[in-house]
């Protein structure tokens, strides 16, 4: 079983309800076990800044799917929840974004998938929830906790649990 870290994001619709359903879909469709789920965080948009704030979270799962099969499954789940990768604006609004952050300690550099995620250490909106569930996990020789020391987290707000 591979230990996989996945980032969730979205800013269209009831994102937090979508996250709950998406996590259930990930576990079912990837035959995965949920190991940990971070809190949800309200975060400023990144890249394309003229849009609503995002909700972000991270999960850790264990799965037997290889990285490409998992990516295919995550894209199917995004589509199920209304994402249209072919016609969307880069870094624009979206119902659901699922990114593989790390897959065990695999290193992969393919057009369709780079592991670990190439912009992980630039993105506080991923590192904050990641540090909540895996603060000391080494990813490309760094930890989320250490990477956060160089980034601003002032506009990232932890949201109260829904239930």
N, C-alpha and C. Protein backbone atom coordinates (compact mmCIF):
# COMPACT_ATOMS: atom_id res chain seq x y z
N UNK A 1 0.84 -1.19 0.00
CA UNK A 1 0.00 0.00 0.00
C UNK A 1 0.88 1.24 0.00
N UNK A 2 0.54 2.17 -0.85
CA UNK A 2 1.26 3.44 -0.92
C UNK A 2 0.58 4.46 -0.02
N UNK A 3 1.40 5.28 0.63
CA UNK A 3 0.89 6.41 1.40
C UNK A 3 0.88 7.63 0.50
N UNK A 4 -0.31 8.21 0.30
CA UNK A 4 -0.48 9.29 -0.66
C UNK A 4 -1.08 10.51 0.02
N UNK A 5 -0.52 11.67 -0.26
CA UNK A 5 -1.05 12.94 0.22
C UNK A 5 -1.74 13.62 -0.95
N UNK A 6 -2.98 14.05 -0.72
CA UNK A 6 -3.80 14.69 -1.76
C UNK A 6 -4.30 16.02 -1.24
N UNK A 7 -4.16 17.07 -2.06
CA UNK A 7 -4.70 18.38 -1.73
C UNK A 7 -6.05 18.53 -2.40
N UNK A 8 -7.00 19.12 -1.66
CA UNK A 8 -8.33 19.40 -2.18
C UNK A 8 -8.54 20.91 -2.18
N UNK A 9 -9.16 21.42 -3.22
CA UNK A 9 -9.45 22.84 -3.29
C UNK A 9 -10.69 23.10 -4.11
N UNK A 10 -11.29 24.26 -3.89
CA UNK A 10 -12.45 24.66 -4.68
C UNK A 10 -12.98 25.98 -4.18
N UNK A 11 -13.72 26.69 -5.06
CA UNK A 11 -14.34 27.95 -4.66
C UNK A 11 -15.68 28.19 -5.35
N UNK A 12 -16.29 27.14 -5.90
CA UNK A 12 -17.59 27.25 -6.55
C UNK A 12 -18.54 26.25 -5.91
N UNK A 13 -19.70 26.73 -5.50
CA UNK A 13 -20.70 25.85 -4.90
C UNK A 13 -20.43 25.60 -3.43
N UNK A 14 -21.04 24.56 -2.89
CA UNK A 14 -20.85 24.18 -1.48
C UNK A 14 -19.60 23.31 -1.39
N UNK A 15 -18.46 23.96 -1.35
CA UNK A 15 -17.18 23.28 -1.45
C UNK A 15 -16.98 22.28 -0.32
N UNK A 16 -17.36 22.65 0.88
CA UNK A 16 -17.12 21.75 2.01
C UNK A 16 -17.95 20.46 1.89
N UNK A 17 -19.17 20.57 1.42
CA UNK A 17 -19.99 19.37 1.17
C UNK A 17 -19.38 18.55 0.03
N UNK A 18 -18.89 19.25 -0.98
CA UNK A 18 -18.22 18.57 -2.09
C UNK A 18 -17.01 17.80 -1.59
N UNK A 19 -16.22 18.41 -0.70
CA UNK A 19 -15.05 17.72 -0.14
C UNK A 19 -15.46 16.41 0.54
N UNK A 20 -16.50 16.46 1.37
CA UNK A 20 -16.93 15.25 2.07
C UNK A 20 -17.30 14.15 1.08
N UNK A 21 -18.05 14.52 0.05
CA UNK A 21 -18.45 13.53 -0.97
C UNK A 21 -17.24 13.07 -1.78
N UNK A 22 -16.33 14.00 -2.10
CA UNK A 22 -15.14 13.64 -2.89
C UNK A 22 -14.25 12.67 -2.13
N UNK A 23 -14.07 12.91 -0.83
CA UNK A 23 -13.23 12.01 -0.02
C UNK A 23 -13.85 10.61 -0.02
N UNK A 24 -15.16 10.52 0.13
CA UNK A 24 -15.83 9.22 0.08
C UNK A 24 -15.62 8.57 -1.28
N UNK A 25 -15.72 9.35 -2.36
CA UNK A 25 -15.49 8.83 -3.71
C UNK A 25 -14.05 8.36 -3.89
N UNK A 26 -13.10 9.13 -3.38
CA UNK A 26 -11.69 8.74 -3.48
C UNK A 26 -11.48 7.39 -2.80
N UNK A 27 -12.01 7.26 -1.58
CA UNK A 27 -11.83 6.00 -0.85
C UNK A 27 -12.48 4.84 -1.58
N UNK A 28 -13.66 5.05 -2.14
CA UNK A 28 -14.35 3.99 -2.86
C UNK A 28 -13.71 3.66 -4.20
N UNK A 29 -13.49 4.68 -5.01
CA UNK A 29 -13.01 4.45 -6.38
C UNK A 29 -11.53 4.08 -6.44
N UNK A 30 -10.75 4.53 -5.46
CA UNK A 30 -9.31 4.20 -5.44
C UNK A 30 -9.04 3.02 -4.50
N UNK A 31 -10.12 2.43 -3.98
CA UNK A 31 -9.99 1.34 -3.02
C UNK A 31 -8.96 1.73 -1.96
N UNK A 32 -9.19 2.92 -1.40
CA UNK A 32 -8.23 3.52 -0.48
C UNK A 32 -8.78 3.55 0.93
N UNK A 33 -7.87 3.62 1.87
CA UNK A 33 -8.21 3.82 3.28
C UNK A 33 -7.83 5.25 3.63
N UNK A 34 -8.76 5.97 4.25
CA UNK A 34 -8.46 7.33 4.70
C UNK A 34 -7.67 7.24 6.00
N UNK A 35 -6.47 7.80 5.99
CA UNK A 35 -5.60 7.79 7.17
C UNK A 35 -5.79 9.06 7.97
N UNK A 36 -5.88 10.20 7.28
CA UNK A 36 -6.03 11.48 7.97
C UNK A 36 -6.72 12.48 7.05
N UNK A 37 -7.46 13.43 7.66
CA UNK A 37 -8.08 14.53 6.91
C UNK A 37 -7.87 15.79 7.72
N UNK A 38 -7.36 16.81 7.06
CA UNK A 38 -7.13 18.09 7.74
C UNK A 38 -8.45 18.82 7.94
N UNK A 39 -8.38 19.89 8.69
CA UNK A 39 -9.48 20.84 8.75
C UNK A 39 -9.61 21.49 7.38
N UNK A 40 -10.72 22.18 7.18
CA UNK A 40 -10.89 23.00 5.98
C UNK A 40 -10.37 24.40 6.29
N UNK A 41 -9.77 25.03 5.28
CA UNK A 41 -9.20 26.37 5.44
C UNK A 41 -9.73 27.28 4.35
N UNK A 42 -10.07 28.51 4.73
CA UNK A 42 -10.41 29.54 3.77
C UNK A 42 -9.11 30.23 3.38
N UNK A 43 -8.87 30.31 2.07
CA UNK A 43 -7.59 30.83 1.59
C UNK A 43 -7.81 31.82 0.44
N UNK A 44 -6.89 32.77 0.30
CA UNK A 44 -7.02 33.70 -0.83
C UNK A 44 -6.72 32.98 -2.15
N UNK A 45 -7.31 33.46 -3.25
CA UNK A 45 -7.00 32.85 -4.55
C UNK A 45 -5.52 33.03 -4.89
N UNK A 46 -5.01 32.11 -5.68
CA UNK A 46 -3.60 32.08 -6.04
C UNK A 46 -3.51 32.09 -7.56
N UNK A 47 -2.60 32.86 -8.11
CA UNK A 47 -2.48 32.92 -9.57
C UNK A 47 -3.45 33.95 -10.14
N UNK A 48 -4.69 33.54 -10.32
CA UNK A 48 -5.76 34.43 -10.80
C UNK A 48 -6.47 34.97 -9.56
N UNK A 49 -6.16 36.22 -9.18
CA UNK A 49 -6.60 36.72 -7.88
C UNK A 49 -7.99 37.35 -7.86
N UNK A 50 -8.58 37.65 -9.02
CA UNK A 50 -9.89 38.29 -9.06
C UNK A 50 -11.00 37.23 -9.07
N UNK A 51 -11.15 36.54 -7.95
CA UNK A 51 -12.19 35.53 -7.80
C UNK A 51 -12.42 35.29 -6.31
N UNK A 52 -13.44 34.49 -5.99
CA UNK A 52 -13.77 34.21 -4.59
C UNK A 52 -12.64 33.44 -3.91
N UNK A 53 -12.62 33.56 -2.58
CA UNK A 53 -11.68 32.79 -1.78
C UNK A 53 -11.91 31.30 -2.01
N UNK A 54 -10.88 30.53 -1.77
CA UNK A 54 -10.95 29.08 -1.91
C UNK A 54 -11.12 28.43 -0.55
N UNK A 55 -11.58 27.21 -0.58
CA UNK A 55 -11.51 26.32 0.58
C UNK A 55 -10.46 25.28 0.20
N UNK A 56 -9.56 24.99 1.13
CA UNK A 56 -8.52 23.99 0.89
C UNK A 56 -8.44 23.03 2.06
N UNK A 57 -8.02 21.81 1.76
CA UNK A 57 -7.81 20.78 2.77
C UNK A 57 -6.82 19.77 2.20
N UNK A 58 -6.34 18.87 3.04
CA UNK A 58 -5.48 17.77 2.59
C UNK A 58 -5.94 16.48 3.25
N UNK A 59 -5.72 15.39 2.53
CA UNK A 59 -5.97 14.07 3.10
C UNK A 59 -4.75 13.19 2.88
N UNK A 60 -4.64 12.18 3.71
CA UNK A 60 -3.66 11.12 3.50
C UNK A 60 -4.45 9.83 3.33
N UNK A 61 -4.14 9.11 2.28
CA UNK A 61 -4.79 7.82 2.04
C UNK A 61 -3.72 6.75 1.84
N UNK A 62 -4.16 5.50 1.93
CA UNK A 62 -3.34 4.37 1.51
C UNK A 62 -4.10 3.68 0.39
N UNK A 63 -3.40 3.39 -0.70
CA UNK A 63 -4.02 2.76 -1.86
C UNK A 63 -3.01 1.86 -2.56
N UNK A 64 -3.56 0.89 -3.28
CA UNK A 64 -2.72 0.02 -4.12
C UNK A 64 -2.64 0.53 -5.55
N UNK A 65 -3.42 1.56 -5.89
CA UNK A 65 -3.36 2.10 -7.25
C UNK A 65 -1.99 2.73 -7.50
N UNK A 66 -1.47 2.57 -8.70
CA UNK A 66 -0.23 3.24 -9.05
C UNK A 66 -0.53 4.72 -9.28
N UNK A 67 0.49 5.58 -9.32
CA UNK A 67 0.23 7.03 -9.42
C UNK A 67 -0.62 7.44 -10.62
N UNK A 68 -0.40 6.84 -11.78
CA UNK A 68 -1.17 7.23 -12.97
C UNK A 68 -2.63 6.79 -12.85
N UNK A 69 -2.86 5.60 -12.33
CA UNK A 69 -4.24 5.13 -12.14
C UNK A 69 -4.95 6.00 -11.11
N UNK A 70 -4.23 6.41 -10.07
CA UNK A 70 -4.82 7.29 -9.07
C UNK A 70 -5.16 8.65 -9.69
N UNK A 71 -4.26 9.20 -10.49
CA UNK A 71 -4.52 10.48 -11.14
C UNK A 71 -5.75 10.38 -12.04
N UNK A 72 -5.86 9.32 -12.80
CA UNK A 72 -7.02 9.09 -13.67
C UNK A 72 -8.30 9.08 -12.82
N UNK A 73 -8.26 8.39 -11.68
CA UNK A 73 -9.41 8.30 -10.79
C UNK A 73 -9.76 9.67 -10.22
N UNK A 74 -8.76 10.44 -9.80
CA UNK A 74 -9.02 11.78 -9.26
C UNK A 74 -9.64 12.69 -10.31
N UNK A 75 -9.18 12.59 -11.54
CA UNK A 75 -9.76 13.40 -12.63
C UNK A 75 -11.22 13.01 -12.87
N UNK A 76 -11.54 11.71 -12.78
CA UNK A 76 -12.93 11.27 -12.92
C UNK A 76 -13.79 11.86 -11.81
N UNK A 77 -13.26 11.89 -10.61
CA UNK A 77 -14.01 12.44 -9.48
C UNK A 77 -14.21 13.95 -9.65
N UNK A 78 -13.17 14.66 -10.07
CA UNK A 78 -13.33 16.09 -10.33
C UNK A 78 -14.45 16.33 -11.34
N UNK A 79 -14.45 15.57 -12.41
CA UNK A 79 -15.47 15.72 -13.46
C UNK A 79 -16.86 15.44 -12.90
N UNK A 80 -16.97 14.43 -12.08
CA UNK A 80 -18.26 14.07 -11.46
C UNK A 80 -18.83 15.24 -10.66
N UNK A 81 -17.94 16.05 -10.08
CA UNK A 81 -18.37 17.19 -9.28
C UNK A 81 -18.34 18.51 -10.06
N UNK A 82 -18.32 18.43 -11.39
CA UNK A 82 -18.53 19.60 -12.22
C UNK A 82 -17.29 20.27 -12.78
N UNK A 83 -16.12 19.71 -12.58
CA UNK A 83 -14.93 20.34 -13.13
C UNK A 83 -14.77 19.97 -14.60
N UNK A 84 -14.43 20.97 -15.40
CA UNK A 84 -14.21 20.78 -16.83
C UNK A 84 -12.79 21.26 -17.15
N UNK A 85 -11.82 20.40 -16.95
CA UNK A 85 -10.41 20.79 -17.14
C UNK A 85 -10.14 21.33 -18.54
N UNK A 86 -10.81 20.80 -19.54
CA UNK A 86 -10.54 21.18 -20.93
C UNK A 86 -10.94 22.63 -21.22
N UNK A 87 -11.93 23.15 -20.50
CA UNK A 87 -12.45 24.48 -20.82
C UNK A 87 -12.32 25.49 -19.70
N UNK A 88 -11.51 25.20 -18.70
CA UNK A 88 -11.40 26.14 -17.59
C UNK A 88 -10.19 27.05 -17.77
N UNK A 89 -10.23 28.15 -17.03
CA UNK A 89 -9.13 29.10 -17.00
C UNK A 89 -8.10 28.61 -15.98
N UNK A 90 -6.81 28.66 -16.34
CA UNK A 90 -5.77 28.22 -15.41
C UNK A 90 -5.85 29.04 -14.12
N UNK A 91 -5.83 28.34 -13.01
CA UNK A 91 -5.94 28.93 -11.67
C UNK A 91 -7.25 29.68 -11.46
N UNK A 92 -8.24 29.40 -12.29
CA UNK A 92 -9.52 30.08 -12.17
C UNK A 92 -10.46 29.35 -11.23
N UNK A 93 -11.72 29.83 -11.18
CA UNK A 93 -12.71 29.22 -10.30
C UNK A 93 -12.93 27.75 -10.65
N UNK A 94 -13.23 26.95 -9.63
CA UNK A 94 -13.50 25.54 -9.86
C UNK A 94 -14.29 24.94 -8.70
N UNK A 95 -15.05 23.91 -9.03
CA UNK A 95 -15.84 23.22 -8.01
C UNK A 95 -14.96 22.32 -7.16
N UNK A 96 -13.97 21.69 -7.80
CA UNK A 96 -13.12 20.73 -7.09
C UNK A 96 -11.80 20.57 -7.82
N UNK A 97 -10.73 20.67 -7.06
CA UNK A 97 -9.38 20.44 -7.59
C UNK A 97 -8.74 19.40 -6.68
N UNK A 98 -8.27 18.31 -7.26
CA UNK A 98 -7.61 17.25 -6.51
C UNK A 98 -6.20 17.08 -7.06
N UNK A 99 -5.21 17.32 -6.22
CA UNK A 99 -3.81 17.20 -6.64
C UNK A 99 -3.08 16.18 -5.78
N UNK A 100 -2.36 15.28 -6.44
CA UNK A 100 -1.48 14.38 -5.70
C UNK A 100 -0.25 15.19 -5.30
N UNK A 101 -0.04 15.32 -4.00
CA UNK A 101 1.10 16.07 -3.48
C UNK A 101 2.33 15.17 -3.39
N UNK A 102 2.13 13.98 -2.83
CA UNK A 102 3.23 13.03 -2.70
C UNK A 102 2.65 11.62 -2.73
N UNK A 103 3.40 10.72 -3.33
CA UNK A 103 3.03 9.31 -3.43
C UNK A 103 4.22 8.53 -2.89
N UNK A 104 4.10 8.05 -1.63
CA UNK A 104 5.26 7.51 -0.92
C UNK A 104 6.40 8.52 -1.09
N UNK A 105 7.57 8.06 -1.49
CA UNK A 105 8.66 9.01 -1.76
C UNK A 105 9.02 8.98 -3.25
N UNK A 106 8.02 8.64 -4.08
CA UNK A 106 8.24 8.52 -5.52
C UNK A 106 8.64 9.86 -6.14
N UNK A 107 9.52 9.78 -7.10
CA UNK A 107 9.89 10.94 -7.91
C UNK A 107 9.49 10.58 -9.35
N UNK A 108 8.72 11.48 -9.95
CA UNK A 108 8.21 11.24 -11.29
C UNK A 108 8.17 12.57 -12.01
N UNK A 109 8.61 12.59 -13.26
CA UNK A 109 8.57 13.83 -14.03
C UNK A 109 8.05 13.53 -15.43
N UNK A 110 6.74 13.44 -15.53
CA UNK A 110 6.06 13.17 -16.80
C UNK A 110 5.20 14.38 -17.13
N UNK A 111 4.82 14.53 -18.38
CA UNK A 111 3.98 15.64 -18.80
C UNK A 111 2.69 15.70 -17.98
N UNK A 112 2.07 14.53 -17.77
CA UNK A 112 0.77 14.49 -17.10
C UNK A 112 0.87 14.43 -15.57
N UNK A 113 2.05 14.10 -15.03
CA UNK A 113 2.17 13.95 -13.58
C UNK A 113 3.61 14.14 -13.12
N UNK A 114 3.79 15.08 -12.20
CA UNK A 114 5.10 15.29 -11.57
C UNK A 114 4.94 15.05 -10.08
N UNK A 115 5.81 14.21 -9.54
CA UNK A 115 5.80 13.91 -8.11
C UNK A 115 7.18 14.11 -7.52
N UNK A 116 7.27 14.66 -6.31
CA UNK A 116 6.15 15.31 -5.63
C UNK A 116 5.67 16.53 -6.41
N UNK A 117 4.53 17.08 -5.98
CA UNK A 117 3.93 18.21 -6.70
C UNK A 117 4.96 19.33 -6.85
N UNK A 118 5.17 19.83 -8.07
CA UNK A 118 6.27 20.77 -8.32
C UNK A 118 6.15 22.13 -7.63
N UNK A 119 4.95 22.57 -7.29
CA UNK A 119 4.81 23.89 -6.65
C UNK A 119 4.39 23.81 -5.19
N UNK A 120 4.51 22.62 -4.60
CA UNK A 120 4.10 22.42 -3.22
C UNK A 120 4.70 23.45 -2.27
N UNK A 121 5.99 23.66 -2.35
CA UNK A 121 6.68 24.49 -1.36
C UNK A 121 6.50 25.99 -1.58
N UNK A 122 5.75 26.36 -2.63
CA UNK A 122 5.39 27.77 -2.88
C UNK A 122 4.01 28.10 -2.36
N UNK A 123 3.25 27.11 -1.94
CA UNK A 123 1.81 27.28 -1.71
C UNK A 123 1.43 27.06 -0.25
N UNK A 124 1.31 28.15 0.48
CA UNK A 124 0.89 28.05 1.88
C UNK A 124 -0.50 27.44 1.99
N UNK A 125 -1.36 27.67 0.99
CA UNK A 125 -2.72 27.12 1.05
C UNK A 125 -2.74 25.60 1.03
N UNK A 126 -1.66 24.96 0.57
CA UNK A 126 -1.52 23.51 0.65
C UNK A 126 -0.72 23.13 1.89
N UNK A 127 0.33 23.87 2.16
CA UNK A 127 1.20 23.51 3.28
C UNK A 127 0.53 23.62 4.64
N UNK A 128 -0.38 24.59 4.83
CA UNK A 128 -1.04 24.74 6.13
C UNK A 128 -1.87 23.49 6.46
N UNK A 129 -2.81 23.06 5.58
CA UNK A 129 -3.53 21.83 5.93
C UNK A 129 -2.64 20.59 5.94
N UNK A 130 -1.62 20.57 5.09
CA UNK A 130 -0.70 19.44 5.07
C UNK A 130 0.07 19.34 6.38
N UNK A 131 0.50 20.48 6.90
CA UNK A 131 1.23 20.49 8.16
C UNK A 131 0.35 20.03 9.33
N UNK A 132 -0.95 20.18 9.18
CA UNK A 132 -1.86 19.72 10.24
C UNK A 132 -1.86 18.19 10.32
N UNK A 133 -1.80 17.50 9.18
CA UNK A 133 -1.90 16.03 9.19
C UNK A 133 -0.56 15.31 9.04
N UNK A 134 0.43 15.98 8.48
CA UNK A 134 1.73 15.32 8.24
C UNK A 134 2.87 16.33 8.38
N UNK A 135 3.00 16.96 9.55
CA UNK A 135 3.95 18.07 9.68
C UNK A 135 5.41 17.68 9.46
N UNK A 136 5.76 16.44 9.77
CA UNK A 136 7.17 16.04 9.71
C UNK A 136 7.47 15.02 8.62
N UNK A 137 6.50 14.76 7.74
CA UNK A 137 6.76 13.83 6.63
C UNK A 137 7.72 14.49 5.65
N UNK A 138 8.78 13.78 5.33
CA UNK A 138 9.74 14.30 4.36
C UNK A 138 9.20 14.16 2.95
N UNK A 139 9.18 15.29 2.24
CA UNK A 139 8.78 15.33 0.83
C UNK A 139 9.90 16.09 0.12
N UNK A 140 10.59 15.41 -0.77
CA UNK A 140 11.73 16.01 -1.48
C UNK A 140 12.71 16.64 -0.49
N UNK A 141 12.94 15.96 0.62
CA UNK A 141 13.93 16.41 1.59
C UNK A 141 13.48 17.51 2.54
N UNK A 142 12.21 17.92 2.45
CA UNK A 142 11.69 18.99 3.32
C UNK A 142 10.41 18.52 4.00
N UNK A 143 10.06 19.21 5.07
CA UNK A 143 8.78 18.95 5.72
C UNK A 143 7.86 20.14 5.49
N UNK A 144 6.56 19.90 5.60
CA UNK A 144 5.59 20.98 5.47
C UNK A 144 5.83 22.02 6.55
N UNK A 145 6.10 21.57 7.76
CA UNK A 145 6.33 22.49 8.88
C UNK A 145 7.50 23.43 8.57
N UNK A 146 8.60 22.88 8.09
CA UNK A 146 9.78 23.70 7.78
C UNK A 146 9.52 24.62 6.59
N UNK A 147 8.83 24.12 5.58
CA UNK A 147 8.57 24.93 4.38
C UNK A 147 7.68 26.13 4.71
N UNK A 148 6.80 25.98 5.68
CA UNK A 148 5.90 27.08 6.05
C UNK A 148 6.61 28.27 6.67
N UNK A 149 7.79 28.03 7.25
CA UNK A 149 8.49 29.14 7.92
C UNK A 149 8.85 30.26 6.96
N UNK A 150 8.95 29.97 5.67
CA UNK A 150 9.31 30.99 4.70
C UNK A 150 8.14 31.61 3.97
N UNK A 151 6.89 31.25 4.36
CA UNK A 151 5.72 31.74 3.63
C UNK A 151 4.76 32.46 4.58
N UNK A 152 4.01 33.41 4.03
CA UNK A 152 3.00 34.11 4.80
C UNK A 152 1.74 33.25 4.89
N UNK A 153 1.18 33.14 6.10
CA UNK A 153 -0.07 32.41 6.30
C UNK A 153 -1.15 33.32 6.87
N UNK A 154 -0.90 34.64 6.87
CA UNK A 154 -1.79 35.56 7.58
C UNK A 154 -3.22 35.59 7.05
N UNK A 155 -3.46 35.33 5.78
CA UNK A 155 -4.82 35.40 5.25
C UNK A 155 -5.47 34.01 5.11
N UNK A 156 -4.85 33.01 5.74
CA UNK A 156 -5.40 31.66 5.73
C UNK A 156 -6.13 31.44 7.06
N UNK A 157 -7.41 31.08 6.96
CA UNK A 157 -8.24 30.93 8.17
C UNK A 157 -8.75 29.50 8.28
N UNK A 158 -8.50 28.89 9.43
CA UNK A 158 -9.03 27.56 9.70
C UNK A 158 -10.53 27.69 9.97
N UNK A 159 -11.32 26.85 9.32
CA UNK A 159 -12.76 26.90 9.47
C UNK A 159 -13.22 25.92 10.55
N UNK A 160 -14.25 26.29 11.26
CA UNK A 160 -14.82 25.41 12.28
C UNK A 160 -15.38 24.16 11.61
N UNK A 161 -15.34 23.02 12.28
CA UNK A 161 -15.92 21.80 11.71
C UNK A 161 -17.40 21.98 11.41
N UNK A 162 -17.88 21.31 10.38
CA UNK A 162 -19.28 21.38 10.00
C UNK A 162 -20.18 20.57 10.92
N UNK A 163 -19.70 19.43 11.39
CA UNK A 163 -20.54 18.57 12.21
C UNK A 163 -20.11 18.62 13.66
